[in-house]
Amino acid sequence: MDLRQLSPTLAVSPQILPEDIPTLAEAGFKVLVNNRPDDEVGPDIDHTVMERAAAEAGMSYHYLPFHPGHVTPQLISDFGAATTGRGPVIAYCRSGNRCTVLWALNQAGKLPEDEIVATAAKAGYDLGAVRPLLASLASRKG
């Protein structure tokens, strides 16, 4: 597993496997967020398999599929709700980038834009393409 910490309570990761989930639970993660749409994966790691594995490990599970280029206000809001105040969270997609974008969009107006971008870059993700959206969201919250 390739866990990348974005905040004290949120890590993101490229695709994980069902057999990784007990290890994540043992490491203290309480919530698993799956941002990878089922049409990108086979039935061995679709959301029903991952949900079952999370339940067996005692973790809460949220399936919030993020199709590339199709971010919505509802998806941003749902990601924020799933990752706030529920204990350590691990979110994953194909590479971790979409999870990072959703985290960043939730932080718009809460953290300085440069800090959000720098945190993502430190984790290996380039938010250059979403900077205008970050600024727009921040201006609405400010």
C-alpha atoms as a PDB file:
ATOM      1  CA  MET A   1       0.000   0.000   0.000  1.00  0.00           C
ATOM      2  CA  ASP A   2       1.090   3.515  -0.756  1.00  0.00           C
ATOM      3  CA  LEU A   3      -0.510   5.729   1.906  1.00  0.00           C
ATOM      4  CA  ARG A   4      -0.042   9.477   1.560  1.00  0.00           C
ATOM      5  CA  GLN A   5      -1.039  11.702   4.466  1.00  0.00           C
ATOM      6  CA  LEU A   6      -2.959  14.893   3.605  1.00  0.00           C
ATOM      7  CA  SER A   7      -4.008  15.783   7.135  1.00  0.00           C
ATOM      8  CA  PRO A   8      -3.678  14.257  10.588  1.00  0.00           C
ATOM      9  CA  THR A   9      -6.913  12.330   9.986  1.00  0.00           C
ATOM     10  CA  LEU A  10      -6.881  11.683   6.221  1.00  0.00           C
ATOM     11  CA  ALA A  11      -4.616   9.559   4.069  1.00  0.00           C
ATOM     12  CA  VAL A  12      -5.130   8.813   0.386  1.00  0.00           C
ATOM     13  CA  SER A  13      -3.910   5.874  -1.618  1.00  0.00           C
ATOM     14  CA  PRO A  14      -3.847   4.331  -5.036  1.00  0.00           C
ATOM     15  CA  GLN A  15      -6.098   1.279  -5.448  1.00  0.00           C
ATOM     16  CA  ILE A  16      -6.142  -1.036  -2.450  1.00  0.00           C
ATOM     17  CA  LEU A  17      -7.249  -4.653  -2.332  1.00  0.00           C
ATOM     18  CA  PRO A  18      -9.762  -6.350  -0.030  1.00  0.00           C
ATOM     19  CA  GLU A  19      -6.917  -8.144   1.745  1.00  0.00           C
ATOM     20  CA  ASP A  20      -5.359  -4.740   2.607  1.00  0.00           C
ATOM     21  CA  ILE A  21      -8.375  -3.606   4.605  1.00  0.00           C
ATOM     22  CA  PRO A  22      -7.743  -5.591   7.820  1.00  0.00           C
ATOM     23  CA  THR A  23      -4.219  -4.128   7.911  1.00  0.00           C
ATOM     24  CA  LEU A  24      -5.650  -0.622   7.522  1.00  0.00           C
ATOM     25  CA  ALA A  25      -8.106  -1.265  10.362  1.00  0.00           C
ATOM     26  CA  GLU A  26      -5.293  -2.598  12.559  1.00  0.00           C
ATOM     27  CA  ALA A  27      -3.336   0.582  11.781  1.00  0.00           C
ATOM     28  CA  GLY A  28      -6.222   2.586  13.272  1.00  0.00           C
ATOM     29  CA  PHE A  29      -8.227   3.651  10.237  1.00  0.00           C
ATOM     30  CA  LYS A  30     -11.951   3.802  11.031  1.00  0.00           C
ATOM     31  CA  VAL A  31     -13.373   4.930   7.679  1.00  0.00           C
ATOM     32  CA  LEU A  32     -12.768   3.729   4.112  1.00  0.00           C
ATOM     33  CA  VAL A  33     -13.805   5.989   1.226  1.00  0.00           C
ATOM     34  CA  ASN A  34     -13.849   4.485  -2.265  1.00  0.00           C
ATOM     35  CA  ASN A  35     -13.724   7.125  -5.018  1.00  0.00           C
ATOM     36  CA  ARG A  36     -13.081   4.628  -7.814  1.00  0.00           C
ATOM     37  CA  PRO A  37     -16.101   3.932 -10.060  1.00  0.00           C
ATOM     38  CA  ASP A  38     -16.992   0.273 -10.533  1.00  0.00           C
ATOM     39  CA  ASP A  39     -16.728   0.645 -14.318  1.00  0.00           C
ATOM     40  CA  GLU A  40     -12.943   1.042 -13.871  1.00  0.00           C
ATOM     41  CA  VAL A  41     -12.427  -2.195 -11.937  1.00  0.00           C
ATOM     42  CA  GLY A  42     -13.303  -5.862 -12.120  1.00  0.00           C
ATOM     43  CA  PRO A  43     -15.813  -7.631  -9.896  1.00  0.00           C
ATOM     44  CA  ASP A  44     -13.027  -8.780  -7.555  1.00  0.00           C
ATOM     45  CA  ILE A  45     -12.570  -5.197  -6.252  1.00  0.00           C
ATOM     46  CA  ASP A  46     -15.893  -3.501  -7.015  1.00  0.00           C
ATOM     47  CA  HIS A  47     -17.631  -1.466  -4.340  1.00  0.00           C
ATOM     48  CA  THR A  48     -19.682  -4.377  -2.979  1.00  0.00           C
ATOM     49  CA  VAL A  49     -16.540  -6.456  -2.355  1.00  0.00           C
ATOM     50  CA  MET A  50     -14.754  -3.513  -0.736  1.00  0.00           C
ATOM     51  CA  GLU A  51     -17.784  -2.630   1.372  1.00  0.00           C
ATOM     52  CA  ARG A  52     -18.009  -6.198   2.664  1.00  0.00           C
ATOM     53  CA  ALA A  53     -14.280  -6.251   3.499  1.00  0.00           C
ATOM     54  CA  ALA A  54     -14.590  -2.917   5.339  1.00  0.00           C
ATOM     55  CA  ALA A  55     -17.571  -4.173   7.348  1.00  0.00           C
ATOM     56  CA  GLU A  56     -15.691  -7.360   8.264  1.00  0.00           C
ATOM     57  CA  ALA A  57     -12.784  -5.210   9.491  1.00  0.00           C
ATOM     58  CA  GLY A  58     -15.121  -2.979  11.525  1.00  0.00           C
ATOM     59  CA  MET A  59     -14.684   0.084   9.319  1.00  0.00           C
ATOM     60  CA  SER A  60     -17.317   2.493   8.046  1.00  0.00           C
ATOM     61  CA  TYR A  61     -17.480   2.536   4.254  1.00  0.00           C
ATOM     62  CA  HIS A  62     -18.486   5.186   1.721  1.00  0.00           C
ATOM     63  CA  TYR A  63     -18.742   4.582  -2.019  1.00  0.00           C
ATOM     64  CA  LEU A  64     -18.388   7.972  -3.714  1.00  0.00           C
ATOM     65  CA  PRO A  65     -17.452   7.261  -7.333  1.00  0.00           C
ATOM     66  CA  PHE A  66     -15.602  10.134  -8.994  1.00  0.00           C
ATOM     67  CA  HIS A  67     -15.511   9.833 -12.773  1.00  0.00           C
ATOM     68  CA  PRO A  68     -12.591  11.854 -14.152  1.00  0.00           C
ATOM     69  CA  GLY A  69     -13.682  15.359 -15.069  1.00  0.00           C
ATOM     70  CA  HIS A  70     -17.079  15.001 -13.403  1.00  0.00           C
ATOM     71  CA  VAL A  71     -16.771  16.618 -10.004  1.00  0.00           C
ATOM     72  CA  THR A  72     -20.085  17.869  -8.621  1.00  0.00           C
ATOM     73  CA  PRO A  73     -21.030  19.986  -5.606  1.00  0.00           C
ATOM     74  CA  GLN A  74     -22.785  16.915  -4.163  1.00  0.00           C
ATOM     75  CA  LEU A  75     -19.672  14.748  -4.532  1.00  0.00           C
ATOM     76  CA  ILE A  76     -17.551  17.427  -2.854  1.00  0.00           C
ATOM     77  CA  SER A  77     -20.068  17.712  -0.029  1.00  0.00           C
ATOM     78  CA  ASP A  78     -20.423  13.942   0.410  1.00  0.00           C
ATOM     79  CA  PHE A  79     -16.634  13.513   0.536  1.00  0.00           C
ATOM     80  CA  GLY A  80     -16.411  16.219   3.187  1.00  0.00           C
ATOM     81  CA  ALA A  81     -19.105  14.550   5.276  1.00  0.00           C
ATOM     82  CA  ALA A  82     -17.464  11.132   4.964  1.00  0.00           C
ATOM     83  CA  THR A  83     -14.029  12.380   5.963  1.00  0.00           C
ATOM     84  CA  THR A  84     -14.819  14.781   8.790  1.00  0.00           C
ATOM     85  CA  GLY A  85     -14.970  13.899  12.471  1.00  0.00           C
ATOM     86  CA  ARG A  86     -15.120  10.137  12.192  1.00  0.00           C
ATOM     87  CA  GLY A  87     -11.599   9.117  13.092  1.00  0.00           C
ATOM     88  CA  PRO A  88      -8.720   8.321  10.782  1.00  0.00           C
ATOM     89  CA  VAL A  89      -9.884   7.993   7.167  1.00  0.00           C
ATOM     90  CA  ILE A  90      -8.295   6.283   4.170  1.00  0.00           C
ATOM     91  CA  ALA A  91      -9.633   7.291   0.758  1.00  0.00           C
ATOM     92  CA  TYR A  92      -8.588   5.621  -2.477  1.00  0.00           C
ATOM     93  CA  CYS A  93      -9.071   5.675  -6.236  1.00  0.00           C
ATOM     94  CA  ARG A  94      -6.835   4.528  -9.112  1.00  0.00           C
ATOM     95  CA  SER A  95      -3.896   6.744  -8.142  1.00  0.00           C
ATOM     96  CA  GLY A  96      -5.107   8.773  -5.146  1.00  0.00           C
ATOM     97  CA  ASN A  97      -5.377  11.925  -7.262  1.00  0.00           C
ATOM     98  CA  ARG A  98      -9.173  12.145  -7.343  1.00  0.00           C
ATOM     99  CA  CYS A  99      -9.299  11.689  -3.562  1.00  0.00           C
ATOM    100  CA  THR A 100      -6.757  14.491  -3.225  1.00  0.00           C
ATOM    101  CA  VAL A 101      -8.808  16.754  -5.496  1.00  0.00           C
ATOM    102  CA  LEU A 102     -11.914  16.157  -3.375  1.00  0.00           C
ATOM    103  CA  TRP A 103      -9.952  16.854  -0.178  1.00  0.00           C
ATOM    104  CA  ALA A 104      -8.556  20.058  -1.705  1.00  0.00           C
ATOM    105  CA  LEU A 105     -11.982  21.278  -2.829  1.00  0.00           C
ATOM    106  CA  ASN A 106     -13.282  20.672   0.699  1.00  0.00           C
ATOM    107  CA  GLN A 107     -10.418  22.733   2.123  1.00  0.00           C
ATOM    108  CA  ALA A 108     -11.055  25.706  -0.195  1.00  0.00           C
ATOM    109  CA  GLY A 109     -11.803  28.708   1.981  1.00  0.00           C
ATOM    110  CA  LYS A 110     -10.627  26.880   5.125  1.00  0.00           C
ATOM    111  CA  LEU A 111      -6.911  26.710   4.333  1.00  0.00           C
ATOM    112  CA  PRO A 112      -4.855  29.062   2.171  1.00  0.00           C
ATOM    113  CA  GLU A 113      -4.794  27.962  -1.461  1.00  0.00           C
ATOM    114  CA  ASP A 114      -0.991  27.747  -1.512  1.00  0.00           C
ATOM    115  CA  GLU A 115      -1.035  25.473   1.553  1.00  0.00           C
ATOM    116  CA  ILE A 116      -3.582  23.152  -0.069  1.00  0.00           C
ATOM    117  CA  VAL A 117      -1.528  22.931  -3.264  1.00  0.00           C
ATOM    118  CA  ALA A 118       1.735  22.423  -1.335  1.00  0.00           C
ATOM    119  CA  THR A 119       0.226  19.659   0.814  1.00  0.00           C
ATOM    120  CA  ALA A 120      -0.984  17.842  -2.289  1.00  0.00           C
ATOM    121  CA  ALA A 121       2.393  18.291  -3.995  1.00  0.00           C
ATOM    122  CA  LYS A 122       4.202  16.902  -0.953  1.00  0.00           C
ATOM    123  CA  ALA A 123       1.973  13.813  -1.274  1.00  0.00           C
ATOM    124  CA  GLY A 124       2.844  13.576  -4.984  1.00  0.00           C
ATOM    125  CA  TYR A 125      -0.252  15.145  -6.532  1.00  0.00           C
ATOM    126  CA  ASP A 126      -0.362  18.174  -8.831  1.00  0.00           C
ATOM    127  CA  LEU A 127      -3.434  20.355  -8.328  1.00  0.00           C
ATOM    128  CA  GLY A 128      -2.544  22.878 -11.028  1.00  0.00           C
ATOM    129  CA  ALA A 129      -5.599  21.995 -13.104  1.00  0.00           C
ATOM    130  CA  VAL A 130      -8.020  22.611 -10.221  1.00  0.00           C
ATOM    131  CA  ARG A 131      -6.443  25.822  -8.877  1.00  0.00           C
ATOM    132  CA  PRO A 132      -9.067  28.034 -10.560  1.00  0.00           C
ATOM    133  CA  LEU A 133     -11.843  25.960  -8.983  1.00  0.00           C
ATOM    134  CA  LEU A 134     -10.102  26.153  -5.590  1.00  0.00           C
ATOM    135  CA  ALA A 135      -9.967  29.929  -5.865  1.00  0.00           C
ATOM    136  CA  SER A 136     -13.604  30.127  -6.960  1.00  0.00           C
ATOM    137  CA  LEU A 137     -14.813  27.974  -4.076  1.00  0.00           C
ATOM    138  CA  ALA A 138     -12.696  29.895  -1.592  1.00  0.00           C
ATOM    139  CA  SER A 139     -14.153  33.208  -2.779  1.00  0.00           C
ATOM    140  CA  ARG A 140     -17.683  31.890  -2.213  1.00  0.00           C
ATOM    141  CA  LYS A 141     -16.880  30.795   1.339  1.00  0.00           C
ATOM    142  CA  GLY A 142     -15.016  33.981   2.226  1.00  0.00           C
END
